[in-house]
C-alpha atoms as a PDB file:
ATOM      1  CA  MET A   1    -132.990  16.513  18.737  1.00  0.00           C
ATOM      2  CA  SER A   2    -135.703  19.115  18.712  1.00  0.00           C
ATOM      3  CA  LYS A   3    -138.759  18.936  21.029  1.00  0.00           C
ATOM      4  CA  ASP A   4    -141.079  18.266  17.943  1.00  0.00           C
ATOM      5  CA  THR A   5    -138.845  15.346  16.835  1.00  0.00           C
ATOM      6  CA  GLN A   6    -138.694  13.993  20.294  1.00  0.00           C
ATOM      7  CA  THR A   7    -142.554  14.115  20.581  1.00  0.00           C
ATOM      8  CA  ALA A   8    -142.934  12.284  17.201  1.00  0.00           C
ATOM      9  CA  VAL A   9    -140.527   9.594  18.372  1.00  0.00           C
ATOM     10  CA  ASP A  10    -142.434   9.186  21.628  1.00  0.00           C
ATOM     11  CA  ALA A  11    -145.698   9.028  19.858  1.00  0.00           C
ATOM     12  CA  ASP A  12    -144.600   6.222  17.523  1.00  0.00           C
ATOM     13  CA  PRO A  13    -142.463   3.742  19.598  1.00  0.00           C
ATOM     14  CA  GLY A  14    -142.303   1.250  16.759  1.00  0.00           C
ATOM     15  CA  PRO A  15    -143.629  -2.248  16.280  1.00  0.00           C
ATOM     16  CA  VAL A  16    -144.500  -4.287  19.325  1.00  0.00           C
ATOM     17  CA  GLY A  17    -145.317  -8.014  19.690  1.00  0.00           C
ATOM     18  CA  LEU A  18    -144.196 -11.381  18.558  1.00  0.00           C
ATOM     19  CA  GLY A  19    -144.615 -10.532  14.913  1.00  0.00           C
ATOM     20  CA  GLY A  20    -142.325  -9.638  12.000  1.00  0.00           C
ATOM     21  CA  TRP A  21    -138.812 -11.337  12.151  1.00  0.00           C
ATOM     22  CA  LEU A  22    -139.546 -12.391  15.764  1.00  0.00           C
ATOM     23  CA  ILE A  23    -141.731 -15.101  14.269  1.00  0.00           C
ATOM     24  CA  LEU A  24    -138.646 -16.705  12.765  1.00  0.00           C
ATOM     25  CA  VAL A  25    -136.870 -16.378  16.133  1.00  0.00           C
ATOM     26  CA  GLY A  26    -139.747 -18.038  17.765  1.00  0.00           C
ATOM     27  CA  ILE A  27    -139.879 -20.946  15.306  1.00  0.00           C
ATOM     28  CA  GLY A  28    -136.049 -21.476  15.846  1.00  0.00           C
ATOM     29  CA  VAL A  29    -136.521 -21.241  19.670  1.00  0.00           C
ATOM     30  CA  CYS A  30    -139.216 -23.907  19.596  1.00  0.00           C
ATOM     31  CA  ILE A  31    -137.260 -26.253  17.253  1.00  0.00           C
ATOM     32  CA  ALA A  32    -133.943 -25.952  19.221  1.00  0.00           C
ATOM     33  CA  PRO A  33    -134.868 -28.246  22.084  1.00  0.00           C
ATOM     34  CA  ILE A  34    -136.013 -30.870  19.710  1.00  0.00           C
ATOM     35  CA  ARG A  35    -132.795 -30.757  17.764  1.00  0.00           C
ATOM     36  CA  LEU A  36    -130.778 -30.875  20.974  1.00  0.00           C
ATOM     37  CA  PHE A  37    -132.729 -33.799  22.264  1.00  0.00           C
ATOM     38  CA  MET A  38    -132.079 -35.685  19.027  1.00  0.00           C
ATOM     39  CA  GLU A  39    -128.323 -35.114  19.504  1.00  0.00           C
ATOM     40  CA  LEU A  40    -128.517 -36.244  23.095  1.00  0.00           C
ATOM     41  CA  ARG A  41    -130.112 -39.648  22.171  1.00  0.00           C
ATOM     42  CA  PHE A  42    -126.810 -41.510  21.553  1.00  0.00           C
ATOM     43  CA  TYR A  43    -125.101 -40.559  24.836  1.00  0.00           C
ATOM     44  CA  PRO A  44    -126.961 -43.033  27.145  1.00  0.00           C
ATOM     45  CA  GLU A  45    -125.815 -45.935  24.923  1.00  0.00           C
ATOM     46  CA  LEU A  46    -122.113 -44.860  25.362  1.00  0.00           C
ATOM     47  CA  PHE A  47    -122.426 -45.329  29.081  1.00  0.00           C
ATOM     48  CA  THR A  48    -124.615 -48.497  29.038  1.00  0.00           C
ATOM     49  CA  ASP A  49    -122.928 -50.605  26.383  1.00  0.00           C
ATOM     50  CA  GLY A  50    -119.426 -50.404  27.899  1.00  0.00           C
ATOM     51  CA  THR A  51    -118.010 -48.001  25.242  1.00  0.00           C
ATOM     52  CA  PHE A  52    -117.201 -45.318  27.735  1.00  0.00           C
ATOM     53  CA  GLU A  53    -115.333 -47.799  29.943  1.00  0.00           C
ATOM     54  CA  VAL A  54    -113.324 -49.117  26.961  1.00  0.00           C
ATOM     55  CA  ILE A  55    -112.136 -45.673  25.788  1.00  0.00           C
ATOM     56  CA  THR A  56    -111.317 -44.450  29.283  1.00  0.00           C
ATOM     57  CA  ASP A  57    -109.508 -47.558  30.567  1.00  0.00           C
ATOM     58  CA  LEU A  58    -105.714 -46.841  31.054  1.00  0.00           C
ATOM     59  CA  ASN A  59    -104.812 -50.388  30.152  1.00  0.00           C
ATOM     60  CA  LEU A  60    -106.433 -50.468  26.708  1.00  0.00           C
ATOM     61  CA  GLU A  61    -105.092 -49.336  23.378  1.00  0.00           C
ATOM     62  CA  SER A  62    -108.178 -47.164  22.752  1.00  0.00           C
ATOM     63  CA  TYR A  63    -107.351 -45.010  25.807  1.00  0.00           C
ATOM     64  CA  HIS A  64    -106.709 -41.271  25.435  1.00  0.00           C
ATOM     65  CA  PRO A  65    -106.685 -39.001  28.473  1.00  0.00           C
ATOM     66  CA  LEU A  66    -109.054 -36.552  26.720  1.00  0.00           C
ATOM     67  CA  TRP A  67    -111.668 -39.122  25.767  1.00  0.00           C
ATOM     68  CA  GLY A  68    -113.505 -38.850  29.102  1.00  0.00           C
ATOM     69  CA  PRO A  69    -113.491 -34.995  29.263  1.00  0.00           C
ATOM     70  CA  LEU A  70    -114.461 -34.768  25.614  1.00  0.00           C
ATOM     71  CA  ILE A  71    -117.527 -37.024  25.997  1.00  0.00           C
ATOM     72  CA  ILE A  72    -118.604 -35.576  29.456  1.00  0.00           C
ATOM     73  CA  GLY A  73    -117.946 -31.976  28.151  1.00  0.00           C
ATOM     74  CA  GLU A  74    -120.123 -32.580  25.067  1.00  0.00           C
ATOM     75  CA  LEU A  75    -122.935 -34.212  27.089  1.00  0.00           C
ATOM     76  CA  ALA A  76    -122.812 -31.404  29.720  1.00  0.00           C
ATOM     77  CA  PHE A  77    -122.806 -28.661  27.076  1.00  0.00           C
ATOM     78  CA  ASN A  78    -125.772 -30.118  25.260  1.00  0.00           C
ATOM     79  CA  LEU A  79    -127.723 -30.695  28.468  1.00  0.00           C
ATOM     80  CA  VAL A  80    -127.077 -27.038  29.557  1.00  0.00           C
ATOM     81  CA  MET A  81    -128.111 -25.905  26.148  1.00  0.00           C
ATOM     82  CA  LEU A  82    -131.288 -28.085  26.250  1.00  0.00           C
ATOM     83  CA  VAL A  83    -132.232 -26.418  29.516  1.00  0.00           C
ATOM     84  CA  ALA A  84    -131.343 -23.031  28.282  1.00  0.00           C
ATOM     85  CA  THR A  85    -133.511 -23.495  25.123  1.00  0.00           C
ATOM     86  CA  LEU A  86    -136.422 -24.598  27.225  1.00  0.00           C
ATOM     87  CA  VAL A  87    -136.028 -21.441  29.336  1.00  0.00           C
ATOM     88  CA  LEU A  88    -135.835 -19.360  26.212  1.00  0.00           C
ATOM     89  CA  ILE A  89    -139.273 -20.700  25.030  1.00  0.00           C
ATOM     90  CA  GLY A  90    -140.727 -19.569  28.290  1.00  0.00           C
ATOM     91  CA  LEU A  91    -139.019 -16.171  28.141  1.00  0.00           C
ATOM     92  CA  TYR A  92    -140.058 -15.682  24.557  1.00  0.00           C
ATOM     93  CA  PHE A  93    -143.735 -16.372  25.016  1.00  0.00           C
ATOM     94  CA  THR A  94    -143.952 -14.348  28.269  1.00  0.00           C
ATOM     95  CA  ARG A  95    -142.028 -11.545  26.438  1.00  0.00           C
ATOM     96  CA  HIS A  96    -139.555 -11.352  29.328  1.00  0.00           C
ATOM     97  CA  HIS A  97    -136.768  -8.772  29.161  1.00  0.00           C
ATOM     98  CA  TRP A  98    -134.204 -11.427  29.735  1.00  0.00           C
ATOM     99  CA  PHE A  99    -134.978 -13.127  26.358  1.00  0.00           C
ATOM    100  CA  PRO A 100    -132.705 -11.223  24.079  1.00  0.00           C
ATOM    101  CA  ARG A 101    -129.677 -11.503  26.445  1.00  0.00           C
ATOM    102  CA  LEU A 102    -130.087 -15.232  26.982  1.00  0.00           C
ATOM    103  CA  TYR A 103    -130.786 -15.739  23.252  1.00  0.00           C
ATOM    104  CA  ILE A 104    -127.558 -14.048  22.478  1.00  0.00           C
ATOM    105  CA  ILE A 105    -125.682 -16.078  25.012  1.00  0.00           C
ATOM    106  CA  VAL A 106    -126.949 -19.241  23.718  1.00  0.00           C
ATOM    107  CA  LEU A 107    -126.084 -18.332  20.078  1.00  0.00           C
ATOM    108  CA  LEU A 108    -122.450 -17.287  21.037  1.00  0.00           C
ATOM    109  CA  SER A 109    -122.115 -20.402  23.218  1.00  0.00           C
ATOM    110  CA  PHE A 110    -122.612 -22.573  20.217  1.00  0.00           C
ATOM    111  CA  LEU A 111    -120.339 -20.284  18.080  1.00  0.00           C
ATOM    112  CA  LEU A 112    -117.533 -20.930  20.696  1.00  0.00           C
ATOM    113  CA  PHE A 113    -118.223 -24.489  21.500  1.00  0.00           C
ATOM    114  CA  ILE A 114    -118.278 -25.969  17.968  1.00  0.00           C
ATOM    115  CA  PRO A 115    -114.506 -24.999  17.190  1.00  0.00           C
ATOM    116  CA  LEU A 116    -113.481 -25.932  20.772  1.00  0.00           C
ATOM    117  CA  ASP A 117    -115.069 -29.304  20.457  1.00  0.00           C
ATOM    118  CA  ILE A 118    -113.478 -29.878  17.066  1.00  0.00           C
ATOM    119  CA  TRP A 119    -110.040 -28.838  18.330  1.00  0.00           C
ATOM    120  CA  VAL A 120    -110.291 -31.347  21.356  1.00  0.00           C
ATOM    121  CA  THR A 121    -111.543 -34.008  18.908  1.00  0.00           C
ATOM    122  CA  THR A 122    -108.438 -33.534  16.742  1.00  0.00           C
ATOM    123  CA  LEU A 123    -106.312 -34.040  19.880  1.00  0.00           C
ATOM    124  CA  VAL A 124    -107.997 -37.309  20.635  1.00  0.00           C
ATOM    125  CA  LEU A 125    -108.293 -38.557  16.945  1.00  0.00           C
ATOM    126  CA  PRO A 126    -105.565 -36.761  15.024  1.00  0.00           C
ATOM    127  CA  ASP A 127    -105.981 -38.845  11.857  1.00  0.00           C
ATOM    128  CA  MET A 128    -109.745 -38.444  11.632  1.00  0.00           C
ATOM    129  CA  PRO A 129    -110.908 -35.625   9.358  1.00  0.00           C
ATOM    130  CA  VAL A 130    -113.179 -33.548  11.510  1.00  0.00           C
ATOM    131  CA  TRP A 131    -114.052 -30.824   9.119  1.00  0.00           C
ATOM    132  CA  ASP A 132    -116.458 -32.984   7.108  1.00  0.00           C
ATOM    133  CA  LYS A 133    -119.379 -31.475   5.194  1.00  0.00           C
ATOM    134  CA  GLU A 134    -121.807 -31.820   8.189  1.00  0.00           C
ATOM    135  CA  THR A 135    -119.447 -30.000  10.536  1.00  0.00           C
ATOM    136  CA  ALA A 136    -118.714 -27.245   8.092  1.00  0.00           C
ATOM    137  CA  ASP A 137    -122.488 -26.855   7.495  1.00  0.00           C
ATOM    138  CA  GLN A 138    -123.194 -26.748  11.196  1.00  0.00           C
ATOM    139  CA  MET A 139    -120.474 -24.120  11.645  1.00  0.00           C
ATOM    140  CA  MET A 140    -121.650 -22.055   8.744  1.00  0.00           C
ATOM    141  CA  ARG A 141    -125.288 -22.153  10.087  1.00  0.00           C
ATOM    142  CA  THR A 142    -124.068 -20.978  13.463  1.00  0.00           C
ATOM    143  CA  VAL A 143    -121.945 -18.107  12.074  1.00  0.00           C
ATOM    144  CA  VAL A 144    -124.794 -16.864   9.815  1.00  0.00           C
ATOM    145  CA  SER A 145    -127.274 -17.168  12.782  1.00  0.00           C
ATOM    146  CA  CYS A 146    -125.052 -15.081  14.876  1.00  0.00           C
ATOM    147  CA  ALA A 147    -124.362 -12.600  12.176  1.00  0.00           C
ATOM    148  CA  ILE A 148    -128.009 -12.020  11.651  1.00  0.00           C
ATOM    149  CA  TRP A 149    -129.820 -12.487  15.117  1.00  0.00           C
ATOM    150  CA  VAL A 150    -127.244 -10.952  17.508  1.00  0.00           C
ATOM    151  CA  PRO A 151    -127.351  -7.559  15.938  1.00  0.00           C
ATOM    152  CA  TYR A 152    -131.171  -7.941  15.528  1.00  0.00           C
ATOM    153  CA  MET A 153    -131.620  -8.618  19.213  1.00  0.00           C
ATOM    154  CA  LEU A 154    -129.394  -5.656  20.032  1.00  0.00           C
ATOM    155  CA  ARG A 155    -130.803  -3.035  17.611  1.00  0.00           C
ATOM    156  CA  SER A 156    -134.439  -4.005  16.740  1.00  0.00           C
ATOM    157  CA  ARG A 157    -137.145  -1.582  18.042  1.00  0.00           C
ATOM    158  CA  ARG A 158    -139.545  -4.550  17.965  1.00  0.00           C
ATOM    159  CA  VAL A 159    -137.256  -6.450  20.279  1.00  0.00           C
ATOM    160  CA  LYS A 160    -136.892  -3.446  22.654  1.00  0.00           C
ATOM    161  CA  ASN A 161    -140.692  -2.864  22.579  1.00  0.00           C
ATOM    162  CA  THR A 162    -141.754  -6.449  23.016  1.00  0.00           C
ATOM    163  CA  PHE A 163    -139.419  -8.065  25.624  1.00  0.00           C
ATOM    164  CA  VAL A 164    -140.323  -5.634  28.502  1.00  0.00           C
ATOM    165  CA  ARG A 165    -141.964  -7.939  31.015  1.00  0.00           C
ATOM    166  CA  GLY A 166    -139.966  -8.019  34.245  1.00  0.00           C
ATOM    167  CA  ARG A 167    -138.157  -4.890  33.519  1.00  0.00           C
ATOM    168  CA  SER A 168    -138.296  -2.258  36.293  1.00  0.00           C
ATOM    169  CA  GLN A 169    -140.048   1.039  35.607  1.00  0.00           C
ATOM    170  CA  GLN A 170    -138.001   4.170  36.347  1.00  0.00           C
ATOM    171  CA  GLY A 171    -135.722   2.357  38.781  1.00  0.00           C
ATOM    172  CA  ALA A 172    -138.471   0.722  40.859  1.00  0.00           C
ATOM    173  CA  PRO A 173    -138.130  -3.041  41.380  1.00  0.00           C
ATOM    174  CA  ALA A 174    -140.091  -5.026  38.703  1.00  0.00           C
ATOM    175  CA  ALA A 175    -142.278  -6.792  41.245  1.00  0.00           C
ATOM    176  CA  VAL A 176    -143.337  -3.507  42.826  1.00  0.00           C
ATOM    177  CA  SER A 177    -144.128  -1.777  39.472  1.00  0.00           C
ATOM    178  CA  GLU A 178    -146.298  -4.690  38.306  1.00  0.00           C
ATOM    179  CA  GLN A 179    -148.444  -5.196  41.447  1.00  0.00           C
ATOM    180  CA  GLU A 180    -151.941  -3.945  41.858  1.00  0.00           C
ATOM    181  CA  PRO A 181    -152.455  -1.353  44.625  1.00  0.00           C
ATOM    182  CA  VAL A 182    -153.480  -2.930  47.933  1.00  0.00           C
ATOM    183  CA  SER A 183    -156.816  -1.679  49.143  1.00  0.00           C
ATOM    184  CA  GLY A 184    -157.080  -1.033  52.671  1.00  0.00           C
END
């Protein structure tokens, strides 16, 4: 790259701020905890109405050794994702440099968890059709989201220019580079 080209690139770093396509990301990030909370609503009833005890009791016909791990695993995953999406909201609005990484991790976690959950469900309920329209739609939305937003987070100049808070400057620790000079 010539010196003139490098100067032109330095003079125009590209778009900055929570605009452009990042608005769609922000809407999705704000909706995600609400969606997860809605999915978590039915779990307390499983534990309070006796259902969990019935399906995990060795002496009953409804018992399967994977019922407990399946339900606990789904609950734990959804709780972790709920916390992660709440953290994402904070990172997004503070424009923290961890946002793109955590966002990608959350997207890929859903992409991996859905087929794993379906597989374990087929082990517990082999006669139940698990690839219904709702599950297929959810999987397709997750694949499309990953296909769009993971490359965007990795390649977008706006993302690189916007999510900079907390990043160290020229090797200095972030806390030092953002502090005001101490007067003496």
